Amino acid sequence: MSAIAIACFIGSAVIIWGGLVASVIFLSMKPSVEVYPDGGIDADGTEE
């Protein structure tokens, strides 16, 4: 492999794994939505 190919591989791996780590950190800090918008279907199948 050439040096440019290795650099592109490392750069893309950092972007992918960095996004995964950022997503895990974000989800651990704010795991669920506190307020849902109106107009959805409830768990029992009825509309709001």
N, C-alpha and C. Protein backbone atom coordinates (compact mmCIF):
# COMPACT_ATOMS: atom_id res chain seq x y z
N MET A 1 0.83 -1.19 0.00
CA MET A 1 0.00 0.00 0.00
C MET A 1 0.87 1.24 0.00
N SER A 2 0.37 2.25 -0.67
CA SER A 2 1.12 3.50 -0.69
C SER A 2 0.79 4.32 0.56
N ALA A 3 1.58 5.33 0.77
CA ALA A 3 1.40 6.18 1.96
C ALA A 3 0.06 6.91 1.91
N ILE A 4 -0.37 7.33 0.73
CA ILE A 4 -1.64 8.04 0.61
C ILE A 4 -2.82 7.11 0.90
N ALA A 5 -2.71 5.86 0.51
CA ALA A 5 -3.77 4.89 0.80
C ALA A 5 -3.87 4.62 2.30
N ILE A 6 -2.75 4.51 2.95
CA ILE A 6 -2.75 4.29 4.41
C ILE A 6 -3.31 5.52 5.12
N ALA A 7 -2.95 6.71 4.66
CA ALA A 7 -3.46 7.94 5.27
C ALA A 7 -4.98 8.04 5.09
N CYS A 8 -5.48 7.70 3.91
CA CYS A 8 -6.93 7.72 3.68
C CYS A 8 -7.63 6.69 4.55
N PHE A 9 -7.04 5.52 4.69
CA PHE A 9 -7.62 4.48 5.54
C PHE A 9 -7.70 4.94 6.99
N ILE A 10 -6.61 5.51 7.49
CA ILE A 10 -6.59 5.97 8.88
C ILE A 10 -7.58 7.12 9.07
N GLY A 11 -7.64 8.03 8.13
CA GLY A 11 -8.59 9.14 8.22
C GLY A 11 -10.03 8.68 8.23
N SER A 12 -10.37 7.74 7.37
CA SER A 12 -11.75 7.26 7.33
C SER A 12 -12.08 6.43 8.57
N ALA A 13 -11.12 5.67 9.08
CA ALA A 13 -11.36 4.90 10.31
C ALA A 13 -11.59 5.83 11.49
N VAL A 14 -10.84 6.93 11.56
CA VAL A 14 -11.02 7.90 12.65
C VAL A 14 -12.40 8.55 12.55
N ILE A 15 -12.85 8.86 11.35
CA ILE A 15 -14.18 9.46 11.18
C ILE A 15 -15.27 8.50 11.62
N ILE A 16 -15.20 7.24 11.18
CA ILE A 16 -16.23 6.25 11.52
C ILE A 16 -16.23 5.96 13.01
N TRP A 17 -15.08 5.61 13.57
CA TRP A 17 -15.02 5.27 15.00
C TRP A 17 -15.26 6.48 15.87
N GLY A 18 -14.85 7.65 15.43
CA GLY A 18 -15.12 8.87 16.18
C GLY A 18 -16.61 9.17 16.25
N GLY A 19 -17.31 8.93 15.15
CA GLY A 19 -18.76 9.10 15.16
C GLY A 19 -19.44 8.12 16.08
N LEU A 20 -18.96 6.89 16.11
CA LEU A 20 -19.52 5.89 17.00
C LEU A 20 -19.31 6.28 18.46
N VAL A 21 -18.11 6.70 18.79
CA VAL A 21 -17.81 7.11 20.16
C VAL A 21 -18.64 8.33 20.55
N ALA A 22 -18.77 9.30 19.66
CA ALA A 22 -19.57 10.48 19.95
C ALA A 22 -21.03 10.12 20.16
N SER A 23 -21.56 9.18 19.38
CA SER A 23 -22.94 8.74 19.54
C SER A 23 -23.16 8.05 20.87
N VAL A 24 -22.23 7.20 21.26
CA VAL A 24 -22.36 6.50 22.55
C VAL A 24 -22.31 7.49 23.70
N ILE A 25 -21.42 8.46 23.63
CA ILE A 25 -21.33 9.47 24.69
C ILE A 25 -22.60 10.29 24.75
N PHE A 26 -23.13 10.70 23.60
CA PHE A 26 -24.36 11.49 23.57
C PHE A 26 -25.53 10.70 24.14
N LEU A 27 -25.66 9.44 23.75
CA LEU A 27 -26.77 8.63 24.25
C LEU A 27 -26.64 8.33 25.73
N SER A 28 -25.43 8.24 26.24
CA SER A 28 -25.27 8.00 27.68
C SER A 28 -25.62 9.25 28.49
N MET A 29 -25.45 10.44 27.91
CA MET A 29 -25.78 11.67 28.62
C MET A 29 -27.27 11.99 28.53
N LYS A 30 -27.92 11.69 27.41
CA LYS A 30 -29.34 12.00 27.21
C LYS A 30 -30.00 10.80 26.54
N PRO A 31 -30.40 9.79 27.32
CA PRO A 31 -30.83 8.52 26.74
C PRO A 31 -32.20 8.50 26.09
N SER A 32 -33.12 9.41 26.46
CA SER A 32 -34.46 9.34 25.88
C SER A 32 -35.03 10.73 25.66
N VAL A 33 -36.07 10.78 24.85
CA VAL A 33 -36.75 12.03 24.56
C VAL A 33 -37.69 12.34 25.72
N GLU A 34 -37.64 13.57 26.23
CA GLU A 34 -38.48 13.93 27.37
C GLU A 34 -39.88 14.33 26.93
N VAL A 35 -40.01 15.01 25.80
CA VAL A 35 -41.31 15.47 25.33
C VAL A 35 -41.45 15.06 23.87
N TYR A 36 -42.55 14.39 23.56
CA TYR A 36 -42.83 13.97 22.19
C TYR A 36 -43.78 14.96 21.53
N PRO A 37 -43.71 15.15 20.22
CA PRO A 37 -44.64 16.05 19.55
C PRO A 37 -46.04 15.45 19.47
N ASP A 38 -47.05 16.31 19.34
CA ASP A 38 -48.43 15.84 19.23
C ASP A 38 -48.66 15.14 17.90
N GLY A 39 -49.69 14.29 17.85
CA GLY A 39 -50.09 13.65 16.61
C GLY A 39 -49.60 12.23 16.43
N GLY A 40 -48.97 11.65 17.41
CA GLY A 40 -48.48 10.28 17.29
C GLY A 40 -49.51 9.26 17.74
N ILE A 41 -49.20 8.01 17.59
CA ILE A 41 -50.06 6.91 18.03
C ILE A 41 -49.49 6.36 19.33
N ASP A 42 -50.36 6.23 20.34
CA ASP A 42 -49.95 5.73 21.64
C ASP A 42 -49.65 4.23 21.57
N ALA A 43 -49.09 3.71 22.66
CA ALA A 43 -48.73 2.29 22.72
C ALA A 43 -49.96 1.39 22.64
N ASP A 44 -51.13 1.89 23.08
CA ASP A 44 -52.34 1.06 23.03
C ASP A 44 -53.04 1.15 21.68
N GLY A 45 -52.49 1.89 20.73
CA GLY A 45 -53.02 1.94 19.38
C GLY A 45 -53.96 3.10 19.11
N THR A 46 -54.24 3.93 20.10
CA THR A 46 -55.14 5.06 19.90
C THR A 46 -54.33 6.30 19.53
N GLU A 47 -54.98 7.16 18.77
CA GLU A 47 -54.32 8.41 18.38
C GLU A 47 -54.58 9.47 19.43
N GLU A 48 -53.67 10.42 19.52
CA GLU A 48 -53.85 11.52 20.48
C GLU A 48 -54.84 12.52 19.94
